[in-house]
Amino acid sequence: MLERSLAAPIRTTPEAEPLSSTVAAALSKKRSLVFRVVAPLLLVTILGALLLVLGYRGETAEVPAPRDSFAAGSKPPVAVPATSRSRADEKVDATLKASVTKAAETESAIPASLSLEEAKRIAGSISHGMIGDAAIVQTRAGPAIVAIHDERRSGTTHFFVMERRGAGYHVSARGPLDNSDFRGATWKTETLDADGDGHPEVLFTGTNANGRASGYRLVLYVPRTRQTYSVRVEVDRHNTGKRRAIWSANASPPEAEPYRKVLARRARAI
């Protein structure tokens, strides 16, 4: 037992770790003190890097696909709550709201009814000359303005109609009042229901024409059809005031009878 205890022990070489042996074989076949110190540090560094990568992967959020482009079988994206809206979304909403408010204010700036002074002011804003008499007639689109553009000096006085379109008034019709035989007259307007349909027409009366013209002229404008009917009454000053009526061509058909009667009645009343 004493001999066996004094015998030198047999040294056994432990199996090398796979990673260490691989690194050692790649670097050098001889083991050195430097390698024994560097190898464990290199192993710790690699394991630390792996743990760091795995840690970042665990905190990465998935970006939901657009609502119309997610693949079949996948879950649709979760709706974003209203509290997480971006500043860009809020800015777009504010811009749209401001546009709608401005349009509503512009629309409400035009009154549903007009006074005669307001009608003349609107008519004067688009006229390059002097505005004479004016009238207001109700249409399906609201009140329409009928005004006289006074061009007495040049003998080209005419009327024009302004109807509401969108956020303003625009000229929708025009018609002459002076003509080659009756120029430079003083014109007045009035409204009446000539055909009894509940929609008023506008009657223009011209008197005191310049030159050799005598008598007066009546022009009736029908907003519903945008037609004008007229009669000129000549007064013979040398024959005890005898009168002669000259009608427009469109006053002869049967459908113009209501307008012809009104013009004749007004002509006799002057």
C-alpha atoms as a PDB file:
ATOM      1  CA  MET A   1       0.000   0.000   0.000  1.00  0.00           C
ATOM      2  CA  LEU A   2       2.959   2.248   0.824  1.00  0.00           C
ATOM      3  CA  GLU A   3       4.540   1.516  -2.561  1.00  0.00           C
ATOM      4  CA  ARG A   4       1.352   2.222  -4.368  1.00  0.00           C
ATOM      5  CA  SER A   5       0.887   5.494  -2.518  1.00  0.00           C
ATOM      6  CA  LEU A   6       4.339   6.654  -3.441  1.00  0.00           C
ATOM      7  CA  ALA A   7       3.982   5.766  -7.112  1.00  0.00           C
ATOM      8  CA  ALA A   8       3.733   8.778  -9.450  1.00  0.00           C
ATOM      9  CA  PRO A   9       0.125   9.419 -10.601  1.00  0.00           C
ATOM     10  CA  ILE A  10      -0.711   9.063 -14.265  1.00  0.00           C
ATOM     11  CA  ARG A  11      -1.700  12.466 -15.737  1.00  0.00           C
ATOM     12  CA  THR A  12      -4.757  12.493 -17.935  1.00  0.00           C
ATOM     13  CA  THR A  13      -5.340  15.281 -20.457  1.00  0.00           C
ATOM     14  CA  PRO A  14      -8.925  16.564 -20.449  1.00  0.00           C
ATOM     15  CA  GLU A  15     -10.766  16.813 -23.745  1.00  0.00           C
ATOM     16  CA  ALA A  16     -10.506  20.229 -25.290  1.00  0.00           C
ATOM     17  CA  GLU A  17     -13.677  22.282 -25.661  1.00  0.00           C
ATOM     18  CA  PRO A  18     -14.890  22.383 -29.279  1.00  0.00           C
ATOM     19  CA  LEU A  19     -14.753  26.165 -29.610  1.00  0.00           C
ATOM     20  CA  SER A  20     -11.359  26.495 -27.916  1.00  0.00           C
ATOM     21  CA  SER A  21      -9.811  23.695 -29.963  1.00  0.00           C
ATOM     22  CA  THR A  22     -11.142  25.151 -33.162  1.00  0.00           C
ATOM     23  CA  VAL A  23      -9.764  28.595 -32.404  1.00  0.00           C
ATOM     24  CA  ALA A  24      -6.470  27.112 -31.261  1.00  0.00           C
ATOM     25  CA  ALA A  25      -6.113  24.995 -34.397  1.00  0.00           C
ATOM     26  CA  ALA A  26      -6.775  27.994 -36.562  1.00  0.00           C
ATOM     27  CA  LEU A  27      -4.233  30.191 -34.815  1.00  0.00           C
ATOM     28  CA  SER A  28      -1.410  27.879 -33.826  1.00  0.00           C
ATOM     29  CA  LYS A  29      -0.761  24.315 -32.873  1.00  0.00           C
ATOM     30  CA  LYS A  30       1.294  25.397 -29.903  1.00  0.00           C
ATOM     31  CA  ARG A  31      -0.464  26.467 -26.764  1.00  0.00           C
ATOM     32  CA  SER A  32       0.821  29.630 -25.334  1.00  0.00           C
ATOM     33  CA  LEU A  33       0.082  31.665 -22.326  1.00  0.00           C
ATOM     34  CA  VAL A  34      -1.248  34.505 -24.491  1.00  0.00           C
ATOM     35  CA  PHE A  35      -3.785  32.246 -26.215  1.00  0.00           C
ATOM     36  CA  ARG A  36      -5.011  30.836 -22.884  1.00  0.00           C
ATOM     37  CA  VAL A  37      -5.790  34.360 -21.764  1.00  0.00           C
ATOM     38  CA  VAL A  38      -7.322  35.635 -25.052  1.00  0.00           C
ATOM     39  CA  ALA A  39      -9.530  32.625 -25.851  1.00  0.00           C
ATOM     40  CA  PRO A  40     -11.874  33.001 -22.825  1.00  0.00           C
ATOM     41  CA  LEU A  41     -12.172  36.746 -23.428  1.00  0.00           C
ATOM     42  CA  LEU A  42     -13.073  36.114 -27.075  1.00  0.00           C
ATOM     43  CA  LEU A  43     -15.712  33.573 -26.054  1.00  0.00           C
ATOM     44  CA  VAL A  44     -17.261  35.991 -23.552  1.00  0.00           C
ATOM     45  CA  THR A  45     -17.310  38.754 -26.192  1.00  0.00           C
ATOM     46  CA  ILE A  46     -19.118  36.539 -28.745  1.00  0.00           C
ATOM     47  CA  LEU A  47     -21.709  35.416 -26.186  1.00  0.00           C
ATOM     48  CA  GLY A  48     -22.289  39.024 -25.099  1.00  0.00           C
ATOM     49  CA  ALA A  49     -22.841  40.132 -28.692  1.00  0.00           C
ATOM     50  CA  LEU A  50     -25.382  37.333 -29.251  1.00  0.00           C
ATOM     51  CA  LEU A  51     -27.291  38.298 -26.117  1.00  0.00           C
ATOM     52  CA  LEU A  52     -27.323  41.960 -27.190  1.00  0.00           C
ATOM     53  CA  VAL A  53     -28.735  41.130 -30.639  1.00  0.00           C
ATOM     54  CA  LEU A  54     -31.416  38.905 -29.134  1.00  0.00           C
ATOM     55  CA  GLY A  55     -32.331  41.670 -26.686  1.00  0.00           C
ATOM     56  CA  TYR A  56     -32.859  44.240 -29.470  1.00  0.00           C
ATOM     57  CA  ARG A  57     -34.931  41.814 -31.508  1.00  0.00           C
ATOM     58  CA  GLY A  58     -37.280  41.320 -28.600  1.00  0.00           C
ATOM     59  CA  GLU A  59     -38.102  45.083 -28.449  1.00  0.00           C
ATOM     60  CA  THR A  60     -38.751  45.612 -32.195  1.00  0.00           C
ATOM     61  CA  ALA A  61     -42.429  46.491 -32.969  1.00  0.00           C
ATOM     62  CA  GLU A  62     -44.127  45.252 -36.102  1.00  0.00           C
ATOM     63  CA  VAL A  63     -45.363  47.886 -38.514  1.00  0.00           C
ATOM     64  CA  PRO A  64     -48.963  47.133 -39.498  1.00  0.00           C
ATOM     65  CA  ALA A  65     -49.581  46.775 -43.217  1.00  0.00           C
ATOM     66  CA  PRO A  66     -51.936  49.198 -45.001  1.00  0.00           C
ATOM     67  CA  ARG A  67     -55.607  48.321 -44.639  1.00  0.00           C
ATOM     68  CA  ASP A  68     -56.003  47.359 -48.289  1.00  0.00           C
ATOM     69  CA  SER A  69     -52.696  45.496 -48.731  1.00  0.00           C
ATOM     70  CA  PHE A  70     -52.329  42.947 -45.913  1.00  0.00           C
ATOM     71  CA  ALA A  71     -51.887  39.355 -47.111  1.00  0.00           C
ATOM     72  CA  ALA A  72     -54.668  36.815 -47.111  1.00  0.00           C
ATOM     73  CA  GLY A  73     -54.910  34.974 -43.826  1.00  0.00           C
ATOM     74  CA  SER A  74     -53.043  37.614 -41.855  1.00  0.00           C
ATOM     75  CA  LYS A  75     -54.656  39.688 -39.175  1.00  0.00           C
ATOM     76  CA  PRO A  76     -55.906  43.165 -40.153  1.00  0.00           C
ATOM     77  CA  PRO A  77     -54.100  46.097 -38.565  1.00  0.00           C
ATOM     78  CA  VAL A  78     -55.326  47.419 -35.275  1.00  0.00           C
ATOM     79  CA  ALA A  79     -57.061  50.800 -35.511  1.00  0.00           C
ATOM     80  CA  VAL A  80     -55.035  53.675 -34.094  1.00  0.00           C
ATOM     81  CA  PRO A  81     -56.862  55.424 -31.254  1.00  0.00           C
ATOM     82  CA  ALA A  82     -57.808  59.072 -31.665  1.00  0.00           C
ATOM     83  CA  THR A  83     -55.371  60.099 -28.929  1.00  0.00           C
ATOM     84  CA  SER A  84     -52.388  58.954 -31.007  1.00  0.00           C
ATOM     85  CA  ARG A  85     -53.141  61.139 -34.054  1.00  0.00           C
ATOM     86  CA  SER A  86     -50.094  62.897 -35.429  1.00  0.00           C
ATOM     87  CA  ARG A  87     -49.664  66.620 -35.758  1.00  0.00           C
ATOM     88  CA  ALA A  88     -49.902  66.288 -39.547  1.00  0.00           C
ATOM     89  CA  ASP A  89     -53.382  64.723 -39.236  1.00  0.00           C
ATOM     90  CA  GLU A  90     -54.496  67.489 -36.909  1.00  0.00           C
ATOM     91  CA  LYS A  91     -53.156  70.115 -39.312  1.00  0.00           C
ATOM     92  CA  VAL A  92     -55.086  68.586 -42.238  1.00  0.00           C
ATOM     93  CA  ASP A  93     -58.275  68.498 -40.176  1.00  0.00           C
ATOM     94  CA  ALA A  94     -57.805  72.128 -39.178  1.00  0.00           C
ATOM     95  CA  THR A  95     -57.289  73.155 -42.816  1.00  0.00           C
ATOM     96  CA  LEU A  96     -60.432  71.324 -43.975  1.00  0.00           C
ATOM     97  CA  LYS A  97     -62.456  72.815 -41.139  1.00  0.00           C
ATOM     98  CA  ALA A  98     -61.242  76.314 -42.014  1.00  0.00           C
ATOM     99  CA  SER A  99     -62.161  75.808 -45.702  1.00  0.00           C
ATOM    100  CA  VAL A 100     -65.679  74.657 -44.849  1.00  0.00           C
ATOM    101  CA  THR A 101     -66.128  77.554 -42.419  1.00  0.00           C
ATOM    102  CA  LYS A 102     -64.924  80.079 -44.999  1.00  0.00           C
ATOM    103  CA  ALA A 103     -67.273  78.681 -47.658  1.00  0.00           C
ATOM    104  CA  ALA A 104     -70.198  78.848 -45.247  1.00  0.00           C
ATOM    105  CA  GLU A 105     -69.346  82.437 -44.305  1.00  0.00           C
ATOM    106  CA  THR A 106     -69.067  83.437 -47.970  1.00  0.00           C
ATOM    107  CA  GLU A 107     -72.385  81.796 -48.785  1.00  0.00           C
ATOM    108  CA  SER A 108     -74.096  83.452 -45.844  1.00  0.00           C
ATOM    109  CA  ALA A 109     -72.606  86.833 -46.788  1.00  0.00           C
ATOM    110  CA  ILE A 110     -75.147  87.075 -49.630  1.00  0.00           C
ATOM    111  CA  PRO A 111     -78.532  87.809 -48.088  1.00  0.00           C
ATOM    112  CA  ALA A 112     -81.627  85.874 -49.066  1.00  0.00           C
ATOM    113  CA  SER A 113     -83.375  89.198 -49.769  1.00  0.00           C
ATOM    114  CA  LEU A 114     -81.997  92.431 -51.184  1.00  0.00           C
ATOM    115  CA  SER A 115     -82.897  96.049 -50.722  1.00  0.00           C
ATOM    116  CA  LEU A 116     -83.006  98.348 -53.712  1.00  0.00           C
ATOM    117  CA  GLU A 117     -79.919 100.191 -52.520  1.00  0.00           C
ATOM    118  CA  GLU A 118     -77.972  96.931 -52.180  1.00  0.00           C
ATOM    119  CA  ALA A 119     -79.106  95.888 -55.668  1.00  0.00           C
ATOM    120  CA  LYS A 120     -77.830  99.154 -57.157  1.00  0.00           C
ATOM    121  CA  ARG A 121     -74.547  98.793 -55.314  1.00  0.00           C
ATOM    122  CA  ILE A 122     -74.018  95.251 -56.667  1.00  0.00           C
ATOM    123  CA  ALA A 123     -74.983  96.335 -60.184  1.00  0.00           C
ATOM    124  CA  GLY A 124     -72.626  99.317 -59.995  1.00  0.00           C
ATOM    125  CA  SER A 125     -69.704  97.074 -59.038  1.00  0.00           C
ATOM    126  CA  ILE A 126     -69.611  95.539 -62.539  1.00  0.00           C
ATOM    127  CA  SER A 127     -70.720  98.551 -64.577  1.00  0.00           C
ATOM    128  CA  HIS A 128     -68.342 101.005 -66.246  1.00  0.00           C
ATOM    129  CA  GLY A 129     -71.034 103.652 -66.557  1.00  0.00           C
ATOM    130  CA  MET A 130     -73.813 105.131 -64.499  1.00  0.00           C
ATOM    131  CA  ILE A 131     -76.541 102.895 -63.102  1.00  0.00           C
ATOM    132  CA  GLY A 132     -80.045 104.250 -63.542  1.00  0.00           C
ATOM    133  CA  ASP A 133     -83.215 102.775 -62.151  1.00  0.00           C
ATOM    134  CA  ALA A 134     -83.230  99.170 -60.891  1.00  0.00           C
ATOM    135  CA  ALA A 135     -85.681  96.494 -59.805  1.00  0.00           C
ATOM    136  CA  ILE A 136     -85.570  93.166 -57.925  1.00  0.00           C
ATOM    137  CA  VAL A 137     -87.420  90.063 -59.084  1.00  0.00           C
ATOM    138  CA  GLN A 138     -87.641  86.723 -57.297  1.00  0.00           C
ATOM    139  CA  THR A 139     -86.460  83.635 -59.160  1.00  0.00           C
ATOM    140  CA  ARG A 140     -85.883  80.007 -58.204  1.00  0.00           C
ATOM    141  CA  ALA A 141     -82.244  80.825 -57.516  1.00  0.00           C
ATOM    142  CA  GLY A 142     -83.179  83.749 -55.276  1.00  0.00           C
ATOM    143  CA  PRO A 143     -83.521  87.475 -55.900  1.00  0.00           C
ATOM    144  CA  ALA A 144     -82.329  88.694 -59.298  1.00  0.00           C
ATOM    145  CA  ILE A 145     -81.268  92.247 -60.066  1.00  0.00           C
ATOM    146  CA  VAL A 146     -82.518  94.083 -63.149  1.00  0.00           C
ATOM    147  CA  ALA A 147     -80.719  97.389 -63.652  1.00  0.00           C
ATOM    148  CA  ILE A 148     -80.497 100.092 -66.313  1.00  0.00           C
ATOM    149  CA  HIS A 149     -77.111 101.079 -67.677  1.00  0.00           C
ATOM    150  CA  ASP A 150     -77.699 104.745 -68.366  1.00  0.00           C
ATOM    151  CA  GLU A 151     -76.014 105.791 -71.615  1.00  0.00           C
ATOM    152  CA  ARG A 152     -78.322 108.656 -72.507  1.00  0.00           C
ATOM    153  CA  ARG A 153     -75.598 110.819 -74.019  1.00  0.00           C
ATOM    154  CA  SER A 154     -74.568 108.187 -76.544  1.00  0.00           C
ATOM    155  CA  GLY A 155     -78.115 106.919 -77.089  1.00  0.00           C
ATOM    156  CA  THR A 156     -77.230 103.322 -76.167  1.00  0.00           C
ATOM    157  CA  THR A 157     -79.022 102.839 -72.856  1.00  0.00           C
ATOM    158  CA  HIS A 158     -79.661  99.156 -72.127  1.00  0.00           C
ATOM    159  CA  PHE A 159     -80.658  96.895 -69.263  1.00  0.00           C
ATOM    160  CA  PHE A 160     -78.893  93.890 -67.780  1.00  0.00           C
ATOM    161  CA  VAL A 161     -79.905  91.106 -65.405  1.00  0.00           C
ATOM    162  CA  MET A 162     -77.752  89.716 -62.598  1.00  0.00           C
ATOM    163  CA  GLU A 163     -78.611  86.344 -61.069  1.00  0.00           C
ATOM    164  CA  ARG A 164     -77.059  84.612 -58.095  1.00  0.00           C
ATOM    165  CA  ARG A 165     -74.550  81.901 -58.932  1.00  0.00           C
ATOM    166  CA  GLY A 166     -72.553  80.330 -56.143  1.00  0.00           C
ATOM    167  CA  ALA A 167     -71.025  83.013 -53.962  1.00  0.00           C
ATOM    168  CA  GLY A 168     -71.885  86.039 -56.104  1.00  0.00           C
ATOM    169  CA  TYR A 169     -74.026  87.642 -58.783  1.00  0.00           C
ATOM    170  CA  HIS A 170     -73.286  87.300 -62.486  1.00  0.00           C
ATOM    171  CA  VAL A 171     -74.796  88.929 -65.578  1.00  0.00           C
ATOM    172  CA  SER A 172     -77.193  86.470 -67.194  1.00  0.00           C
ATOM    173  CA  ALA A 173     -79.017  88.605 -69.783  1.00  0.00           C
ATOM    174  CA  ARG A 174     -78.883  91.970 -71.567  1.00  0.00           C
ATOM    175  CA  GLY A 175     -81.235  93.928 -73.794  1.00  0.00           C
ATOM    176  CA  PRO A 176     -81.361  97.325 -75.555  1.00  0.00           C
ATOM    177  CA  LEU A 177     -83.751 100.054 -74.487  1.00  0.00           C
ATOM    178  CA  ASP A 178     -82.734 102.817 -76.875  1.00  0.00           C
ATOM    179  CA  ASN A 179     -82.946 101.968 -80.580  1.00  0.00           C
ATOM    180  CA  SER A 180     -82.216 103.695 -83.854  1.00  0.00           C
ATOM    181  CA  ASP A 181     -85.568 105.544 -83.874  1.00  0.00           C
ATOM    182  CA  PHE A 182     -85.751 106.319 -80.154  1.00  0.00           C
ATOM    183  CA  ARG A 183     -82.515 107.469 -78.543  1.00  0.00           C
ATOM    184  CA  GLY A 184     -81.405 109.275 -75.442  1.00  0.00           C
ATOM    185  CA  ALA A 185     -84.600 108.712 -73.450  1.00  0.00           C
ATOM    186  CA  THR A 186     -85.121 108.769 -69.707  1.00  0.00           C
ATOM    187  CA  TRP A 187     -85.920 105.240 -68.537  1.00  0.00           C
ATOM    188  CA  LYS A 188     -87.776 103.987 -65.465  1.00  0.00           C
ATOM    189  CA  THR A 189     -88.541 100.467 -64.232  1.00  0.00           C
ATOM    190  CA  GLU A 190     -91.408  98.774 -62.434  1.00  0.00           C
ATOM    191  CA  THR A 191     -92.386  95.164 -61.738  1.00  0.00           C
ATOM    192  CA  LEU A 192     -95.728  93.530 -62.507  1.00  0.00           C
ATOM    193  CA  ASP A 193     -97.198  90.091 -63.143  1.00  0.00           C
ATOM    194  CA  ALA A 194     -98.219  90.413 -66.781  1.00  0.00           C
ATOM    195  CA  ASP A 195     -99.136  86.770 -67.489  1.00  0.00           C
ATOM    196  CA  GLY A 196    -100.549  85.867 -64.054  1.00  0.00           C
ATOM    197  CA  ASP A 197     -98.086  83.032 -63.371  1.00  0.00           C
ATOM    198  CA  GLY A 198     -96.996  84.417 -60.008  1.00  0.00           C
ATOM    199  CA  HIS A 199     -93.570  85.487 -61.333  1.00  0.00           C
ATOM    200  CA  PRO A 200     -93.109  89.210 -61.906  1.00  0.00           C
ATOM    201  CA  GLU A 201     -91.970  90.782 -65.151  1.00  0.00           C
ATOM    202  CA  VAL A 202     -90.092  94.066 -65.510  1.00  0.00           C
ATOM    203  CA  LEU A 203     -91.563  96.984 -67.460  1.00  0.00           C
ATOM    204  CA  PHE A 204     -89.232  99.713 -68.755  1.00  0.00           C
ATOM    205  CA  THR A 205     -90.762 103.032 -69.752  1.00  0.00           C
ATOM    206  CA  GLY A 206     -88.770 105.525 -71.832  1.00  0.00           C
ATOM    207  CA  THR A 207     -89.776 109.145 -72.304  1.00  0.00           C
ATOM    208  CA  ASN A 208     -88.291 112.461 -73.473  1.00  0.00           C
ATOM    209  CA  ALA A 209     -86.097 111.052 -76.206  1.00  0.00           C
ATOM    210  CA  ASN A 210     -83.572 113.338 -77.879  1.00  0.00           C
ATOM    211  CA  GLY A 211     -83.696 114.386 -81.509  1.00  0.00           C
ATOM    212  CA  ARG A 212     -86.786 114.182 -83.679  1.00  0.00           C
ATOM    213  CA  ALA A 213     -88.263 111.179 -81.832  1.00  0.00           C
ATOM    214  CA  SER A 214     -91.625 111.846 -80.235  1.00  0.00           C
ATOM    215  CA  GLY A 215     -93.835 109.910 -77.868  1.00  0.00           C
ATOM    216  CA  TYR A 216     -92.534 107.115 -75.664  1.00  0.00           C
ATOM    217  CA  ARG A 217     -91.443 103.486 -75.730  1.00  0.00           C
ATOM    218  CA  LEU A 218     -92.323 100.526 -73.488  1.00  0.00           C
ATOM    219  CA  VAL A 219     -90.191  97.394 -73.128  1.00  0.00           C
ATOM    220  CA  LEU A 220     -91.382  94.357 -71.143  1.00  0.00           C
ATOM    221  CA  TYR A 221     -88.810  91.804 -69.988  1.00  0.00           C
ATOM    222  CA  VAL A 222     -89.896  88.292 -68.970  1.00  0.00           C
ATOM    223  CA  PRO A 223     -87.211  86.698 -66.705  1.00  0.00           C
ATOM    224  CA  ARG A 224     -88.694  83.196 -67.035  1.00  0.00           C
ATOM    225  CA  THR A 225     -88.130  83.089 -70.816  1.00  0.00           C
ATOM    226  CA  ARG A 226     -85.599  85.936 -71.092  1.00  0.00           C
ATOM    227  CA  GLN A 227     -87.694  87.507 -73.836  1.00  0.00           C
ATOM    228  CA  THR A 228     -88.476  91.188 -74.394  1.00  0.00           C
ATOM    229  CA  TYR A 229     -91.644  92.651 -75.952  1.00  0.00           C
ATOM    230  CA  SER A 230     -91.880  96.312 -76.910  1.00  0.00           C
ATOM    231  CA  VAL A 231     -94.139  98.973 -78.349  1.00  0.00           C
ATOM    232  CA  ARG A 232     -93.242 102.460 -79.441  1.00  0.00           C
ATOM    233  CA  VAL A 233     -95.950 105.083 -79.432  1.00  0.00           C
ATOM    234  CA  GLU A 234     -95.503 108.027 -81.782  1.00  0.00           C
ATOM    235  CA  VAL A 235     -97.436 111.194 -81.096  1.00  0.00           C
ATOM    236  CA  ASP A 236     -98.282 113.447 -84.051  1.00  0.00           C
ATOM    237  CA  ARG A 237     -97.945 116.917 -82.638  1.00  0.00           C
ATOM    238  CA  HIS A 238     -99.432 118.526 -85.760  1.00  0.00           C
ATOM    239  CA  ASN A 239    -102.584 116.401 -85.811  1.00  0.00           C
ATOM    240  CA  THR A 240    -104.151 117.017 -82.396  1.00  0.00           C
ATOM    241  CA  GLY A 241    -101.951 114.465 -80.667  1.00  0.00           C
ATOM    242  CA  LYS A 242    -102.810 111.472 -82.802  1.00  0.00           C
ATOM    243  CA  ARG A 243    -100.922 108.321 -81.751  1.00  0.00           C
ATOM    244  CA  ARG A 244     -99.492 105.428 -83.714  1.00  0.00           C
ATOM    245  CA  ALA A 245     -98.198 102.181 -82.116  1.00  0.00           C
ATOM    246  CA  ILE A 246     -95.222 100.289 -83.525  1.00  0.00           C
ATOM    247  CA  TRP A 247     -94.901  96.788 -82.038  1.00  0.00           C
ATOM    248  CA  SER A 248     -91.946  94.424 -81.901  1.00  0.00           C
ATOM    249  CA  ALA A 249     -92.181  91.416 -84.230  1.00  0.00           C
ATOM    250  CA  ASN A 250     -92.501  88.855 -81.400  1.00  0.00           C
ATOM    251  CA  ALA A 251     -95.588  90.604 -79.956  1.00  0.00           C
ATOM    252  CA  SER A 252     -97.886  89.273 -82.688  1.00  0.00           C
ATOM    253  CA  PRO A 253     -98.083  85.475 -81.914  1.00  0.00           C
ATOM    254  CA  PRO A 254    -100.931  84.225 -79.659  1.00  0.00           C
ATOM    255  CA  GLU A 255     -98.569  83.234 -76.839  1.00  0.00           C
ATOM    256  CA  ALA A 256     -97.543  86.905 -76.543  1.00  0.00           C
ATOM    257  CA  GLU A 257    -101.130  88.122 -76.045  1.00  0.00           C
ATOM    258  CA  PRO A 258    -100.877  88.658 -72.243  1.00  0.00           C
ATOM    259  CA  TYR A 259     -97.798  90.816 -72.698  1.00  0.00           C
ATOM    260  CA  ARG A 260     -99.321  92.723 -75.603  1.00  0.00           C
ATOM    261  CA  LYS A 261    -102.416  93.567 -73.540  1.00  0.00           C
ATOM    262  CA  VAL A 262    -100.338  94.869 -70.628  1.00  0.00           C
ATOM    263  CA  LEU A 263     -98.224  97.024 -72.928  1.00  0.00           C
ATOM    264  CA  ALA A 264    -101.301  98.451 -74.661  1.00  0.00           C
ATOM    265  CA  ARG A 265    -103.005  99.240 -71.349  1.00  0.00           C
ATOM    266  CA  ARG A 266     -99.924 100.998 -70.002  1.00  0.00           C
ATOM    267  CA  ALA A 267     -99.444 102.925 -73.225  1.00  0.00           C
ATOM    268  CA  ARG A 268    -102.988 104.286 -73.019  1.00  0.00           C
ATOM    269  CA  ALA A 269    -102.461 105.287 -69.389  1.00  0.00           C
ATOM    270  CA  ILE A 270     -99.494 107.521 -70.208  1.00  0.00           C
END
